[in-house]
Amino acid sequence: MRAAIPLAIVLSAAGCARPAAVPPPELVAARSAVVQAQENPLSPLAIAELRQAELALAIAEREARARPRSPSARDAAYVARRRAQCSLLSSLVRANLRALTRGQRALKQLREQRGAVLDPPAAAP
């Protein structure tokens, strides 16, 4: 009977222990989106947007620590995730605009070269 009392105390204390804090799924998604934006090879093209995403994630992390599962924590995580997605899209748009500009320049040069070949020089009087 004496051994049962300490065992009961240990079991009741174990039952009162808090489980490991599991972050809200919105925060996990925001973290993942920011990491994906950071690892994007085109991220230098959208550095300002990436910085906004990182700051938004820091706010979401702080909000989740202060008030886990609150609407404001979920909203902050949503904003961070969307900012990370904007960073990805901005870098893609800028990369495509650069490629388009290069292509247009190359086409212009090609047309100029072709025109020089097809147009004979004017005859001297």
C-alpha atoms as a PDB file:
ATOM      1  CA  MET A   1       0.000   0.000   0.000  1.00  0.00           C
ATOM      2  CA  ARG A   2       2.887   2.345   0.774  1.00  0.00           C
ATOM      3  CA  ALA A   3       4.341   1.862  -2.729  1.00  0.00           C
ATOM      4  CA  ALA A   4       0.997   2.723  -4.296  1.00  0.00           C
ATOM      5  CA  ILE A   5       0.972   6.265  -2.871  1.00  0.00           C
ATOM      6  CA  PRO A   6       4.203   7.478  -4.593  1.00  0.00           C
ATOM      7  CA  LEU A   7       3.099   5.752  -7.773  1.00  0.00           C
ATOM      8  CA  ALA A   8      -0.232   7.566  -7.641  1.00  0.00           C
ATOM      9  CA  ILE A   9       1.539  10.883  -7.107  1.00  0.00           C
ATOM     10  CA  VAL A  10       3.830  10.298 -10.097  1.00  0.00           C
ATOM     11  CA  LEU A  11       0.942   9.266 -12.315  1.00  0.00           C
ATOM     12  CA  SER A  12      -1.183  12.251 -11.301  1.00  0.00           C
ATOM     13  CA  ALA A  13       1.738  14.625 -11.882  1.00  0.00           C
ATOM     14  CA  ALA A  14       2.321  13.089 -15.302  1.00  0.00           C
ATOM     15  CA  GLY A  15      -1.338  13.603 -16.150  1.00  0.00           C
ATOM     16  CA  CYS A  16      -1.072  17.287 -15.265  1.00  0.00           C
ATOM     17  CA  ALA A  17       2.025  17.862 -17.341  1.00  0.00           C
ATOM     18  CA  ARG A  18       1.415  19.942 -20.419  1.00  0.00           C
ATOM     19  CA  PRO A  19       2.030  18.260 -23.744  1.00  0.00           C
ATOM     20  CA  ALA A  20       4.694  19.755 -25.970  1.00  0.00           C
ATOM     21  CA  ALA A  21       3.381  22.901 -27.580  1.00  0.00           C
ATOM     22  CA  VAL A  22       2.329  22.144 -31.102  1.00  0.00           C
ATOM     23  CA  PRO A  23       2.390  25.235 -33.303  1.00  0.00           C
ATOM     24  CA  PRO A  24      -0.839  26.098 -35.087  1.00  0.00           C
ATOM     25  CA  PRO A  25      -1.034  24.739 -38.631  1.00  0.00           C
ATOM     26  CA  GLU A  26      -1.243  28.282 -40.025  1.00  0.00           C
ATOM     27  CA  LEU A  27       2.114  29.105 -38.458  1.00  0.00           C
ATOM     28  CA  VAL A  28       3.673  25.912 -39.790  1.00  0.00           C
ATOM     29  CA  ALA A  29       2.426  26.800 -43.292  1.00  0.00           C
ATOM     30  CA  ALA A  30       3.795  30.348 -42.943  1.00  0.00           C
ATOM     31  CA  ARG A  31       7.203  29.066 -41.861  1.00  0.00           C
ATOM     32  CA  SER A  32       7.293  26.674 -44.787  1.00  0.00           C
ATOM     33  CA  ALA A  33       6.334  29.392 -47.262  1.00  0.00           C
ATOM     34  CA  VAL A  34       9.016  31.766 -45.980  1.00  0.00           C
ATOM     35  CA  VAL A  35      11.688  29.049 -46.142  1.00  0.00           C
ATOM     36  CA  GLN A  36      10.605  28.237 -49.692  1.00  0.00           C
ATOM     37  CA  ALA A  37      10.877  31.913 -50.642  1.00  0.00           C
ATOM     38  CA  GLN A  38      14.315  32.159 -49.002  1.00  0.00           C
ATOM     39  CA  GLU A  39      15.588  29.094 -50.841  1.00  0.00           C
ATOM     40  CA  ASN A  40      14.289  30.310 -54.187  1.00  0.00           C
ATOM     41  CA  PRO A  41      17.285  30.934 -56.469  1.00  0.00           C
ATOM     42  CA  LEU A  42      15.520  34.028 -57.817  1.00  0.00           C
ATOM     43  CA  SER A  43      14.950  35.534 -54.365  1.00  0.00           C
ATOM     44  CA  PRO A  44      17.579  38.281 -54.891  1.00  0.00           C
ATOM     45  CA  LEU A  45      15.215  39.742 -57.495  1.00  0.00           C
ATOM     46  CA  ALA A  46      12.553  40.319 -54.819  1.00  0.00           C
ATOM     47  CA  ILE A  47      14.634  41.051 -51.748  1.00  0.00           C
ATOM     48  CA  ALA A  48      12.249  43.722 -50.415  1.00  0.00           C
ATOM     49  CA  GLU A  49       9.275  41.385 -50.625  1.00  0.00           C
ATOM     50  CA  LEU A  50      11.255  38.604 -48.969  1.00  0.00           C
ATOM     51  CA  ARG A  51      12.203  40.928 -46.126  1.00  0.00           C
ATOM     52  CA  GLN A  52       8.524  41.819 -45.650  1.00  0.00           C
ATOM     53  CA  ALA A  53       7.678  38.116 -45.470  1.00  0.00           C
ATOM     54  CA  GLU A  54      10.393  37.514 -42.869  1.00  0.00           C
ATOM     55  CA  LEU A  55       9.158  40.434 -40.762  1.00  0.00           C
ATOM     56  CA  ALA A  56       5.570  39.225 -41.041  1.00  0.00           C
ATOM     57  CA  LEU A  57       6.692  35.760 -39.912  1.00  0.00           C
ATOM     58  CA  ALA A  58       8.462  37.271 -36.898  1.00  0.00           C
ATOM     59  CA  ILE A  59       5.226  39.041 -35.964  1.00  0.00           C
ATOM     60  CA  ALA A  60       3.271  35.805 -36.411  1.00  0.00           C
ATOM     61  CA  GLU A  61       5.761  33.915 -34.233  1.00  0.00           C
ATOM     62  CA  ARG A  62       5.513  36.558 -31.518  1.00  0.00           C
ATOM     63  CA  GLU A  63       1.725  36.570 -31.709  1.00  0.00           C
ATOM     64  CA  ALA A  64       1.590  32.757 -31.528  1.00  0.00           C
ATOM     65  CA  ARG A  65       3.793  32.770 -28.420  1.00  0.00           C
ATOM     66  CA  ALA A  66       1.690  35.442 -26.731  1.00  0.00           C
ATOM     67  CA  ARG A  67      -1.735  34.125 -27.718  1.00  0.00           C
ATOM     68  CA  PRO A  68      -1.586  30.699 -29.368  1.00  0.00           C
ATOM     69  CA  ARG A  69      -4.628  29.726 -31.394  1.00  0.00           C
ATOM     70  CA  SER A  70      -6.047  33.249 -31.229  1.00  0.00           C
ATOM     71  CA  PRO A  71      -7.568  34.797 -34.341  1.00  0.00           C
ATOM     72  CA  SER A  72      -4.833  37.437 -34.361  1.00  0.00           C
ATOM     73  CA  ALA A  73      -2.131  34.730 -34.326  1.00  0.00           C
ATOM     74  CA  ARG A  74      -3.825  32.917 -37.213  1.00  0.00           C
ATOM     75  CA  ASP A  75      -4.236  36.168 -39.131  1.00  0.00           C
ATOM     76  CA  ALA A  76      -0.590  37.094 -38.651  1.00  0.00           C
ATOM     77  CA  ALA A  77       0.492  33.669 -39.916  1.00  0.00           C
ATOM     78  CA  TYR A  78      -1.798  34.050 -42.930  1.00  0.00           C
ATOM     79  CA  VAL A  79      -0.252  37.438 -43.750  1.00  0.00           C
ATOM     80  CA  ALA A  80       3.265  35.984 -43.461  1.00  0.00           C
ATOM     81  CA  ARG A  81       2.374  33.108 -45.780  1.00  0.00           C
ATOM     82  CA  ARG A  82       0.858  35.433 -48.368  1.00  0.00           C
ATOM     83  CA  ARG A  83       3.834  37.802 -48.237  1.00  0.00           C
ATOM     84  CA  ALA A  84       6.160  34.856 -48.856  1.00  0.00           C
ATOM     85  CA  GLN A  85       4.043  33.836 -51.830  1.00  0.00           C
ATOM     86  CA  CYS A  86       4.186  37.418 -53.126  1.00  0.00           C
ATOM     87  CA  SER A  87       7.962  37.295 -52.827  1.00  0.00           C
ATOM     88  CA  LEU A  88       8.076  34.147 -54.952  1.00  0.00           C
ATOM     89  CA  LEU A  89       5.762  35.587 -57.577  1.00  0.00           C
ATOM     90  CA  SER A  90       7.585  38.931 -57.695  1.00  0.00           C
ATOM     91  CA  SER A  91      10.897  37.202 -58.293  1.00  0.00           C
ATOM     92  CA  LEU A  92       9.379  35.154 -61.125  1.00  0.00           C
ATOM     93  CA  VAL A  93       7.820  38.226 -62.732  1.00  0.00           C
ATOM     94  CA  ARG A  94      11.087  40.147 -62.555  1.00  0.00           C
ATOM     95  CA  ALA A  95      13.051  37.230 -63.989  1.00  0.00           C
ATOM     96  CA  ASN A  96      10.576  36.926 -66.856  1.00  0.00           C
ATOM     97  CA  LEU A  97      10.700  40.671 -67.534  1.00  0.00           C
ATOM     98  CA  ARG A  98      14.491  40.514 -67.715  1.00  0.00           C
ATOM     99  CA  ALA A  99      14.326  37.572 -70.108  1.00  0.00           C
ATOM    100  CA  LEU A 100      11.769  39.395 -72.247  1.00  0.00           C
ATOM    101  CA  THR A 101      13.956  42.499 -72.396  1.00  0.00           C
ATOM    102  CA  ARG A 102      16.983  40.429 -73.413  1.00  0.00           C
ATOM    103  CA  GLY A 103      14.924  38.702 -76.090  1.00  0.00           C
ATOM    104  CA  GLN A 104      13.635  41.983 -77.470  1.00  0.00           C
ATOM    105  CA  ARG A 105      17.174  43.396 -77.644  1.00  0.00           C
ATOM    106  CA  ALA A 106      18.435  40.294 -79.429  1.00  0.00           C
ATOM    107  CA  LEU A 107      15.547  40.465 -81.902  1.00  0.00           C
ATOM    108  CA  LYS A 108      16.254  44.131 -82.601  1.00  0.00           C
ATOM    109  CA  GLN A 109      19.946  43.386 -83.214  1.00  0.00           C
ATOM    110  CA  LEU A 110      19.051  40.500 -85.500  1.00  0.00           C
ATOM    111  CA  ARG A 111      16.679  42.682 -87.511  1.00  0.00           C
ATOM    112  CA  GLU A 112      19.329  45.395 -87.787  1.00  0.00           C
ATOM    113  CA  GLN A 113      21.913  42.857 -88.987  1.00  0.00           C
ATOM    114  CA  ARG A 114      19.469  41.407 -91.482  1.00  0.00           C
ATOM    115  CA  GLY A 115      18.561  44.854 -92.746  1.00  0.00           C
ATOM    116  CA  ALA A 116      22.216  45.691 -93.298  1.00  0.00           C
ATOM    117  CA  VAL A 117      22.695  42.509 -95.307  1.00  0.00           C
ATOM    118  CA  LEU A 118      19.518  42.846 -97.374  1.00  0.00           C
ATOM    119  CA  ASP A 119      19.826  46.567 -98.099  1.00  0.00           C
ATOM    120  CA  PRO A 120      22.638  47.236-100.565  1.00  0.00           C
ATOM    121  CA  PRO A 121      24.615  50.388 -99.943  1.00  0.00           C
ATOM    122  CA  ALA A 122      23.474  53.370-101.928  1.00  0.00           C
ATOM    123  CA  ALA A 123      25.327  53.826-105.234  1.00  0.00           C
ATOM    124  CA  ALA A 124      27.631  56.770-105.381  1.00  0.00           C
ATOM    125  CA  PRO A 125      26.767  59.329-108.112  1.00  0.00           C
END
